Amino acid sequence: MPAATLDITILGSGTSTGIPVVGCDCSVCQSADPRNKRTRCSALIKHGQYNILIDTATDLRQQALRENIRHIDAVLYTHSHADHMHGIDDLRSFNLRQKAAIPLYGSPRTLERVRDNFAYIFADAEIPGYVPRLSLQPIETAFPLFDLNIVPIPLNHGGMQAYGYRCGPFAYLTDCNGIPEESLPLLENLELLVLDGLRFKPHNTHFNIPQAIEMAQKIGARQTLLTHLSHEVDHPRHDPQLPERISFAYDGQHFSLEISQTEEKAVGSQLS
């Protein structure tokens, strides 16, 4: 069958503080290398005319301007932490252009937190001023979206569950410190894996870099990018030290991947 194309953009590769960190004088925060300038973690999947956003990061407006994003057709939420949600109000600008509500997909628990944290968006009463027009779409299994098959990947993020997402040969697994054994079959035969790798020192809710490398080698994607990076990571210094086929993500990275309908159906059937 003919292959379609997925265009992937790393919108943000930084941890919750962003890099540079406010008030920090370390060499990474003061670096002139653009790969060390990191907005909060997010990615964009483009398929044909459709743009699918992964998380509404705190820096969404800045990311959208940088990448000239003109429309968002759906959002996939990984979990409910502030750095992955609190750009939600910036979806208003897309609503104004598109004249339609934007569907938000995520676990029932994550979308419950979205509703609770941003009650002004979902209130029944009329509120003065313009609020985002959004619809909540809870998901727990693979589902079709714009002729793609989106597969949620359950992850451990400290004491909570988060979702990663697989779409054809691409998987995005931020904010995790463990991948359940039952999730691993959903990550076979990947071309591109984006994986949490916060820092070199241990952390109680994120893979550190040695753990991320071990997991990346276990999954065996053709290429792995480590994301959600702290200011411990100096891109020009540390990237050359990583094993083959593993590298650090940076803001604005672009990838194009081919995806066949046969591959899509095969992956989705494992979770249906």
Protein backbone atom coordinates (compact mmCIF):
# COMPACT_ATOMS: atom_id res chain seq x y z
CA MET A 1 0.00 0.00 0.00
CA PRO A 2 1.23 3.53 -0.60
CA ALA A 3 2.98 5.23 2.30
CA ALA A 4 1.90 8.55 3.78
CA THR A 5 4.21 10.97 5.57
CA LEU A 6 4.43 12.02 9.18
CA ASP A 7 6.27 15.27 9.81
CA ILE A 8 7.48 15.51 13.41
CA THR A 9 8.65 18.73 15.07
CA ILE A 10 10.20 18.90 18.53
CA LEU A 11 8.54 22.09 19.76
CA GLY A 12 10.16 22.02 23.19
CA SER A 13 12.86 19.80 24.70
CA GLY A 14 13.24 21.31 28.16
CA THR A 15 12.22 20.42 31.67
CA SER A 16 9.58 22.28 33.67
CA THR A 17 11.76 25.33 34.37
CA GLY A 18 12.77 25.84 30.76
CA ILE A 19 16.42 26.49 29.92
CA PRO A 20 17.95 28.93 30.75
CA VAL A 21 16.63 28.71 34.28
CA VAL A 22 15.63 32.05 35.76
CA GLY A 23 18.53 33.49 37.77
CA CYS A 24 20.99 30.69 36.92
CA ASP A 25 24.56 31.52 35.92
CA CYS A 26 25.69 27.99 35.01
CA SER A 27 27.52 27.43 31.74
CA VAL A 28 24.49 25.80 30.06
CA CYS A 29 22.09 28.57 31.05
CA GLN A 30 24.60 31.13 29.79
CA SER A 31 25.44 29.16 26.64
CA ALA A 32 25.17 30.77 23.21
CA ASP A 33 24.47 27.40 21.56
CA PRO A 34 20.82 27.48 20.40
CA ARG A 35 20.44 23.77 21.26
CA ASN A 36 20.83 24.75 24.92
CA LYS A 37 17.83 27.13 24.72
CA ARG A 38 14.94 24.85 25.68
CA THR A 39 11.27 25.64 25.92
CA ARG A 40 8.92 23.34 27.83
CA CYS A 41 8.37 19.86 26.45
CA SER A 42 6.02 19.41 23.49
CA ALA A 43 5.87 18.06 19.93
CA LEU A 44 3.82 18.44 16.76
CA ILE A 45 2.70 15.69 14.37
CA LYS A 46 1.75 16.89 10.91
CA HIS A 47 -0.09 14.50 8.59
CA GLY A 48 -1.40 15.90 5.34
CA GLN A 49 -3.41 18.99 6.20
CA TYR A 50 -3.72 18.11 9.90
CA ASN A 51 -1.66 19.28 12.88
CA ILE A 52 -1.77 17.19 16.07
CA LEU A 53 -0.19 18.82 19.13
CA ILE A 54 1.23 16.76 21.99
CA ASP A 55 0.62 18.77 25.18
CA THR A 56 -0.11 22.47 25.55
CA ALA A 57 3.25 23.39 27.04
CA THR A 58 3.72 26.58 29.02
CA ASP A 59 5.59 28.07 26.03
CA LEU A 60 2.98 27.18 23.38
CA ARG A 61 2.62 30.71 22.03
CA GLN A 62 6.38 31.10 21.60
CA GLN A 63 6.66 27.66 19.96
CA ALA A 64 3.79 28.33 17.56
CA LEU A 65 5.28 31.64 16.47
CA ARG A 66 8.72 30.11 15.98
CA GLU A 67 7.39 27.25 13.85
CA ASN A 68 4.70 29.32 12.08
CA ILE A 69 1.91 26.99 13.22
CA ARG A 70 -1.36 28.32 11.80
CA HIS A 71 -3.83 25.70 13.02
CA ILE A 72 -4.16 22.94 15.62
CA ASP A 73 -6.64 20.19 14.81
CA ALA A 74 -6.29 18.07 17.97
CA VAL A 75 -4.28 17.85 21.19
CA LEU A 76 -2.93 14.68 22.81
CA TYR A 77 -2.28 15.11 26.53
CA THR A 78 0.37 12.96 28.19
CA HIS A 79 -0.52 13.89 31.78
CA SER A 80 -1.73 16.77 33.94
CA HIS A 81 1.42 18.50 35.19
CA ALA A 82 1.58 22.26 34.76
CA ASP A 83 4.43 22.43 32.24
CA HIS A 84 2.42 20.18 29.90
CA MET A 85 -0.97 21.86 30.35
CA HIS A 86 -0.66 25.53 31.19
CA GLY A 87 -0.36 26.80 27.64
CA ILE A 88 -3.98 25.76 27.10
CA ASP A 89 -5.29 29.32 26.91
CA ASP A 90 -3.10 29.93 23.83
CA LEU A 91 -5.45 27.60 21.93
CA ARG A 92 -7.83 30.59 21.77
CA SER A 93 -5.85 32.04 18.88
CA PHE A 94 -6.32 28.87 16.86
CA ASN A 95 -10.06 28.83 17.66
CA LEU A 96 -10.37 32.35 16.29
CA ARG A 97 -8.81 31.28 13.00
CA GLN A 98 -10.53 27.91 12.71
CA LYS A 99 -14.05 28.82 13.97
CA ALA A 100 -14.35 25.37 15.56
CA ALA A 101 -13.71 23.59 18.85
CA ILE A 102 -10.43 21.68 19.23
CA PRO A 103 -10.69 18.10 20.59
CA LEU A 104 -8.45 17.22 23.53
CA TYR A 105 -7.52 13.54 23.96
CA GLY A 106 -6.05 11.95 27.07
CA SER A 107 -6.73 9.49 29.85
CA PRO A 108 -9.99 10.01 31.79
CA ARG A 109 -7.98 11.12 34.84
CA THR A 110 -5.90 13.62 32.87
CA LEU A 111 -8.93 15.20 31.23
CA GLU A 112 -10.71 15.35 34.59
CA ARG A 113 -7.79 17.43 35.84
CA VAL A 114 -7.94 19.62 32.74
CA ARG A 115 -11.62 20.29 33.43
CA ASP A 116 -11.00 20.99 37.12
CA ASN A 117 -7.92 23.17 36.65
CA PHE A 118 -9.43 25.25 33.85
CA ALA A 119 -13.06 25.36 34.95
CA TYR A 120 -13.55 28.77 33.33
CA ILE A 121 -13.15 27.09 29.91
CA PHE A 122 -15.74 24.40 30.51
CA ALA A 123 -18.28 26.33 32.62
CA ASP A 124 -21.85 26.27 31.31
CA ALA A 125 -22.48 29.93 32.11
CA GLU A 126 -21.44 32.68 29.74
CA ILE A 127 -18.18 34.28 30.88
CA PRO A 128 -17.18 37.80 29.79
CA GLY A 129 -14.28 37.66 27.36
CA TYR A 130 -13.20 34.93 24.99
CA VAL A 131 -12.22 31.49 26.30
CA PRO A 132 -10.86 28.52 24.32
CA ARG A 133 -13.42 26.31 22.59
CA LEU A 134 -12.38 22.77 23.45
CA SER A 135 -14.00 19.34 23.66
CA LEU A 136 -12.81 16.61 26.02
CA GLN A 137 -12.33 13.15 24.46
CA PRO A 138 -11.23 10.55 27.07
CA ILE A 139 -9.38 7.59 25.58
CA GLU A 140 -7.94 4.36 26.98
CA THR A 141 -7.24 2.36 23.82
CA ALA A 142 -6.05 2.99 20.29
CA PHE A 143 -8.31 5.28 18.26
CA PRO A 144 -8.47 6.71 14.73
CA LEU A 145 -7.62 10.37 14.17
CA PHE A 146 -7.35 12.01 10.74
CA ASP A 147 -6.67 8.68 8.98
CA LEU A 148 -4.01 7.81 11.56
CA ASN A 149 -4.09 5.24 14.33
CA ILE A 150 -3.10 6.79 17.67
CA VAL A 151 -1.96 4.30 20.30
CA PRO A 152 -1.74 5.47 23.94
CA ILE A 153 1.23 3.91 25.74
CA PRO A 154 0.79 3.59 29.55
CA LEU A 155 3.86 4.86 31.42
CA ASN A 156 4.94 5.18 35.05
CA HIS A 157 5.67 8.77 36.13
CA GLY A 158 6.55 8.42 39.79
CA GLY A 159 3.31 7.51 41.55
CA MET A 160 1.03 8.42 38.66
CA GLN A 161 0.26 6.98 35.27
CA ALA A 162 1.08 9.03 32.19
CA TYR A 163 0.53 8.29 28.53
CA GLY A 164 3.01 8.22 25.74
CA TYR A 165 1.71 8.00 22.18
CA ARG A 166 2.62 5.93 19.16
CA CYS A 167 1.68 6.90 15.63
CA GLY A 168 3.04 4.53 12.98
CA PRO A 169 6.85 4.43 13.21
CA PHE A 170 7.00 7.26 15.78
CA ALA A 171 6.57 7.16 19.57
CA TYR A 172 6.71 10.00 22.07
CA LEU A 173 7.35 9.01 25.71
CA THR A 174 8.03 12.01 27.87
CA ASP A 175 7.73 12.22 31.67
CA CYS A 176 8.33 8.66 32.79
CA ASN A 177 10.63 6.70 35.05
CA GLY A 178 9.30 3.30 34.05
CA ILE A 179 7.65 1.54 31.12
CA PRO A 180 5.38 -1.37 32.12
CA GLU A 181 6.19 -4.70 30.51
CA GLU A 182 2.78 -4.77 28.86
CA SER A 183 3.59 -1.49 27.07
CA LEU A 184 6.82 -2.73 25.49
CA PRO A 185 5.18 -4.75 22.66
CA LEU A 186 3.55 -1.51 21.53
CA LEU A 187 7.01 -0.02 20.94
CA GLU A 188 8.43 -2.55 18.51
CA ASN A 189 9.84 -1.59 15.10
CA LEU A 190 10.08 2.15 15.68
CA GLU A 191 11.92 4.50 13.37
CA LEU A 192 11.94 7.39 15.85
CA LEU A 193 11.55 7.28 19.62
CA VAL A 194 11.44 10.43 21.78
CA LEU A 195 12.14 9.44 25.39
CA ASP A 196 12.41 11.20 28.75
CA GLY A 197 16.01 11.67 29.89
CA LEU A 198 16.01 14.48 32.44
CA ARG A 199 19.57 14.65 33.75
CA PHE A 200 22.58 12.57 34.75
CA LYS A 201 21.73 12.36 38.47
CA PRO A 202 18.90 10.04 39.61
CA HIS A 203 15.37 11.42 39.88
CA ASN A 204 12.26 9.90 41.45
CA THR A 205 9.82 10.58 38.60
CA HIS A 206 11.97 10.77 35.45
CA PHE A 207 14.50 8.51 33.75
CA ASN A 208 17.96 9.87 34.25
CA ILE A 209 20.22 9.68 31.22
CA PRO A 210 21.86 6.29 32.00
CA GLN A 211 18.39 4.79 32.60
CA ALA A 212 17.05 6.35 29.41
CA ILE A 213 19.95 4.95 27.40
CA GLU A 214 19.31 1.48 28.83
CA MET A 215 15.61 1.69 27.99
CA ALA A 216 16.29 3.09 24.51
CA GLN A 217 18.60 0.18 23.76
CA LYS A 218 15.97 -2.27 25.05
CA ILE A 219 13.30 -0.76 22.76
CA GLY A 220 15.72 -0.66 19.83
CA ALA A 221 14.32 2.17 17.72
CA ARG A 222 16.34 3.18 14.67
CA GLN A 223 16.85 6.60 16.26
CA THR A 224 16.18 7.83 19.82
CA LEU A 225 16.04 11.41 21.05
CA LEU A 226 16.23 12.20 24.77
CA THR A 227 13.97 15.06 25.81
CA HIS A 228 12.71 16.94 28.91
CA LEU A 229 16.33 17.98 29.46
CA SER A 230 17.55 19.93 32.46
CA HIS A 231 20.44 22.39 32.58
CA GLU A 232 22.77 19.53 33.54
CA VAL A 233 22.81 18.67 29.82
CA ASP A 234 25.21 20.66 27.65
CA HIS A 235 24.31 19.72 24.09
CA PRO A 236 27.68 20.27 22.34
CA ARG A 237 29.61 18.66 25.19
CA HIS A 238 27.41 15.68 26.04
CA ASP A 239 25.72 14.74 22.77
CA PRO A 240 28.91 13.26 21.24
CA GLN A 241 29.26 11.02 24.31
CA LEU A 242 25.94 9.23 23.74
CA PRO A 243 25.81 5.75 22.17
CA GLU A 244 25.17 5.31 18.48
CA ARG A 245 21.61 6.08 17.36
CA ILE A 246 20.85 8.03 20.57
CA SER A 247 21.08 11.83 20.78
CA PHE A 248 19.70 14.77 22.72
CA ALA A 249 16.65 16.51 21.32
CA TYR A 250 16.63 20.24 20.68
CA ASP A 251 13.91 22.75 19.98
CA GLY A 252 12.94 23.02 16.32
CA GLN A 253 14.18 19.58 15.20
CA HIS A 254 12.23 18.25 12.24
CA PHE A 255 11.81 14.68 10.96
CA SER A 256 9.81 13.17 8.11
CA LEU A 257 8.79 9.52 8.38
CA GLU A 258 6.90 7.27 6.01
CA ILE A 259 3.91 5.41 7.38
CA SER A 260 1.97 2.70 5.60
CA GLN A 261 -1.66 1.79 6.28
CA THR A 262 -0.61 -1.82 6.85
CA GLU A 263 1.80 -0.80 9.65
CA GLU A 264 -0.88 1.38 11.25
CA LYS A 265 -3.43 -1.41 11.48
CA ALA A 266 -0.89 -3.90 12.83
CA VAL A 267 0.22 -1.64 15.70
CA GLY A 268 -3.32 -0.58 16.63
CA SER A 269 -4.61 -4.13 16.81
CA GLN A 270 -2.26 -4.89 19.72
CA LEU A 271 -4.17 -2.54 22.01
CA SER A 272 -7.71 -2.74 20.64
